[in-house]
């Protein structure tokens, strides 16, 4: 799921198909990755909390 928050950056929240954990990435308007979860999270809430500590200000994401 992609969301825009924290300026014009695009945030992507997803569940890893390989490790079955929750992760996020943040891309600048130029397409460059400027942030990402440094670990996978077992709980969605922990993943979202980590993204918020890194600048995410949008609504709680839908991980699909």
N, C-alpha and C. Protein backbone atom coordinates (compact mmCIF):
# COMPACT_ATOMS: atom_id res chain seq x y z
N UNK A 1 0.84 -1.16 0.00
CA UNK A 1 0.00 0.00 0.00
C UNK A 1 0.89 1.23 0.00
N UNK A 2 0.63 2.16 -0.89
CA UNK A 2 1.41 3.39 -0.95
C UNK A 2 0.59 4.53 -0.37
N UNK A 3 1.27 5.40 0.36
CA UNK A 3 0.62 6.56 0.96
C UNK A 3 1.55 7.75 0.84
N UNK A 4 0.98 8.93 0.78
CA UNK A 4 1.79 10.13 0.73
C UNK A 4 1.62 10.86 2.05
N UNK A 5 2.69 11.09 2.74
CA UNK A 5 2.69 11.83 3.99
C UNK A 5 4.13 12.21 4.29
N UNK A 6 4.33 13.22 5.07
CA UNK A 6 5.70 13.65 5.35
C UNK A 6 6.25 14.36 4.13
N UNK A 7 5.63 15.49 3.77
CA UNK A 7 6.04 16.19 2.56
C UNK A 7 5.41 15.51 1.35
N UNK A 8 6.17 15.42 0.29
CA UNK A 8 5.66 14.75 -0.92
C UNK A 8 6.24 13.36 -1.08
N UNK A 9 6.83 12.83 -0.04
CA UNK A 9 7.41 11.49 -0.12
C UNK A 9 6.31 10.43 -0.23
N UNK A 10 6.63 9.34 -0.88
CA UNK A 10 5.70 8.22 -1.00
C UNK A 10 6.13 7.13 -0.03
N UNK A 11 5.20 6.68 0.79
CA UNK A 11 5.45 5.62 1.76
C UNK A 11 4.79 4.35 1.26
N UNK A 12 5.50 3.24 1.34
CA UNK A 12 4.95 1.95 0.95
C UNK A 12 5.01 1.03 2.16
N UNK A 13 3.88 0.47 2.52
CA UNK A 13 3.79 -0.49 3.62
C UNK A 13 3.44 -1.84 3.03
N UNK A 14 4.15 -2.87 3.45
CA UNK A 14 3.91 -4.18 2.85
C UNK A 14 4.30 -5.30 3.81
N UNK A 15 3.81 -6.48 3.48
CA UNK A 15 4.18 -7.69 4.21
C UNK A 15 5.11 -8.48 3.33
N UNK A 16 6.27 -8.82 3.83
CA UNK A 16 7.26 -9.55 3.06
C UNK A 16 6.77 -10.96 2.74
N UNK A 17 6.85 -11.32 1.48
CA UNK A 17 6.44 -12.66 1.06
C UNK A 17 7.45 -13.71 1.51
N UNK A 18 8.69 -13.28 1.72
CA UNK A 18 9.76 -14.22 2.09
C UNK A 18 9.76 -14.50 3.58
N UNK A 19 9.72 -13.44 4.39
CA UNK A 19 9.86 -13.60 5.85
C UNK A 19 8.54 -13.44 6.59
N UNK A 20 7.47 -13.05 5.88
CA UNK A 20 6.13 -12.90 6.45
C UNK A 20 6.08 -11.86 7.57
N UNK A 21 6.90 -10.82 7.47
CA UNK A 21 6.86 -9.75 8.45
C UNK A 21 6.47 -8.44 7.78
N UNK A 22 6.21 -7.41 8.58
CA UNK A 22 5.74 -6.12 8.07
C UNK A 22 6.92 -5.16 7.93
N UNK A 23 6.91 -4.39 6.83
CA UNK A 23 7.99 -3.46 6.53
C UNK A 23 7.45 -2.21 5.86
N UNK A 24 8.29 -1.18 5.76
CA UNK A 24 7.93 0.04 5.04
C UNK A 24 9.14 0.60 4.32
N UNK A 25 8.88 1.38 3.27
CA UNK A 25 9.92 2.13 2.58
C UNK A 25 9.39 3.54 2.31
N UNK A 26 10.31 4.48 2.20
CA UNK A 26 9.96 5.88 1.93
C UNK A 26 10.77 6.36 0.73
N UNK A 27 10.07 6.90 -0.28
CA UNK A 27 10.75 7.39 -1.48
C UNK A 27 10.49 8.87 -1.65
N UNK A 28 11.55 9.58 -2.05
CA UNK A 28 11.46 11.01 -2.36
C UNK A 28 10.76 11.20 -3.70
N UNK A 29 10.30 12.42 -3.99
CA UNK A 29 9.65 12.68 -5.28
C UNK A 29 10.49 12.29 -6.50
N UNK A 30 11.82 12.28 -6.35
CA UNK A 30 12.68 11.90 -7.48
C UNK A 30 12.83 10.39 -7.62
N UNK A 31 12.13 9.62 -6.78
CA UNK A 31 12.17 8.16 -6.87
C UNK A 31 13.24 7.49 -6.03
N UNK A 32 14.09 8.28 -5.40
CA UNK A 32 15.17 7.73 -4.59
C UNK A 32 14.64 7.27 -3.22
N UNK A 33 15.06 6.08 -2.79
CA UNK A 33 14.68 5.60 -1.46
C UNK A 33 15.43 6.41 -0.42
N UNK A 34 14.68 7.02 0.48
CA UNK A 34 15.29 7.86 1.52
C UNK A 34 15.08 7.31 2.92
N UNK A 35 14.39 6.18 3.02
CA UNK A 35 14.18 5.55 4.31
C UNK A 35 13.55 4.18 4.14
N UNK A 36 13.78 3.33 5.11
CA UNK A 36 13.20 1.98 5.09
C UNK A 36 13.30 1.38 6.47
N UNK A 37 12.40 0.45 6.76
CA UNK A 37 12.48 -0.28 8.02
C UNK A 37 13.79 -1.05 8.03
N UNK A 38 14.51 -0.95 9.12
CA UNK A 38 15.79 -1.66 9.22
C UNK A 38 15.61 -3.10 9.70
N UNK A 39 14.37 -3.43 10.05
CA UNK A 39 14.06 -4.79 10.46
C UNK A 39 12.60 -5.07 10.10
N UNK A 40 12.22 -6.32 10.10
CA UNK A 40 10.84 -6.68 9.88
C UNK A 40 10.12 -6.74 11.22
N UNK A 41 8.83 -6.50 11.20
CA UNK A 41 8.03 -6.49 12.43
C UNK A 41 6.96 -7.56 12.37
N UNK A 42 6.77 -8.27 13.48
CA UNK A 42 5.75 -9.30 13.55
C UNK A 42 4.36 -8.68 13.63
N UNK A 43 4.27 -7.49 14.23
CA UNK A 43 2.98 -6.81 14.41
C UNK A 43 2.90 -5.56 13.53
N UNK A 44 1.75 -5.37 12.90
CA UNK A 44 1.53 -4.19 12.06
C UNK A 44 1.74 -2.91 12.87
N UNK A 45 1.21 -2.88 14.08
CA UNK A 45 1.29 -1.68 14.92
C UNK A 45 2.74 -1.27 15.18
N UNK A 46 3.62 -2.24 15.37
CA UNK A 46 5.03 -1.92 15.61
C UNK A 46 5.68 -1.34 14.36
N UNK A 47 5.30 -1.85 13.20
CA UNK A 47 5.83 -1.35 11.94
C UNK A 47 5.38 0.10 11.73
N UNK A 48 4.11 0.37 11.95
CA UNK A 48 3.58 1.73 11.78
C UNK A 48 4.23 2.68 12.79
N UNK A 49 4.41 2.24 14.02
CA UNK A 49 5.05 3.08 15.03
C UNK A 49 6.48 3.44 14.61
N UNK A 50 7.19 2.49 14.03
CA UNK A 50 8.55 2.77 13.55
C UNK A 50 8.52 3.78 12.41
N UNK A 51 7.58 3.63 11.49
CA UNK A 51 7.46 4.59 10.39
C UNK A 51 7.14 5.98 10.93
N UNK A 52 6.28 6.07 11.93
CA UNK A 52 5.94 7.37 12.52
C UNK A 52 7.17 8.01 13.17
N UNK A 53 8.01 7.22 13.79
CA UNK A 53 9.25 7.77 14.37
C UNK A 53 10.19 8.29 13.29
N UNK A 54 9.96 7.84 12.07
CA UNK A 54 10.80 8.25 10.94
C UNK A 54 10.10 9.24 10.02
N UNK A 55 9.01 9.84 10.49
CA UNK A 55 8.39 10.93 9.76
C UNK A 55 7.04 10.68 9.14
N UNK A 56 6.51 9.47 9.20
CA UNK A 56 5.21 9.19 8.61
C UNK A 56 4.12 9.86 9.44
N UNK A 57 3.24 10.62 8.78
CA UNK A 57 2.18 11.34 9.48
C UNK A 57 0.80 11.01 8.95
N UNK A 58 0.70 10.05 8.07
CA UNK A 58 -0.58 9.70 7.46
C UNK A 58 -1.43 8.81 8.34
N UNK A 59 -2.56 8.38 7.79
CA UNK A 59 -3.45 7.47 8.52
C UNK A 59 -2.83 6.08 8.64
N UNK A 60 -3.36 5.28 9.52
CA UNK A 60 -2.87 3.91 9.64
C UNK A 60 -3.02 3.22 8.29
N UNK A 61 -1.94 2.66 7.76
CA UNK A 61 -1.97 2.07 6.42
C UNK A 61 -2.67 0.71 6.39
N UNK A 62 -3.11 0.35 5.20
CA UNK A 62 -3.67 -0.96 4.93
C UNK A 62 -2.56 -1.78 4.28
N UNK A 63 -2.18 -2.88 4.87
CA UNK A 63 -1.08 -3.68 4.34
C UNK A 63 -1.51 -4.61 3.22
N UNK A 64 -2.78 -4.53 2.83
CA UNK A 64 -3.27 -5.31 1.70
C UNK A 64 -3.53 -6.69 1.99
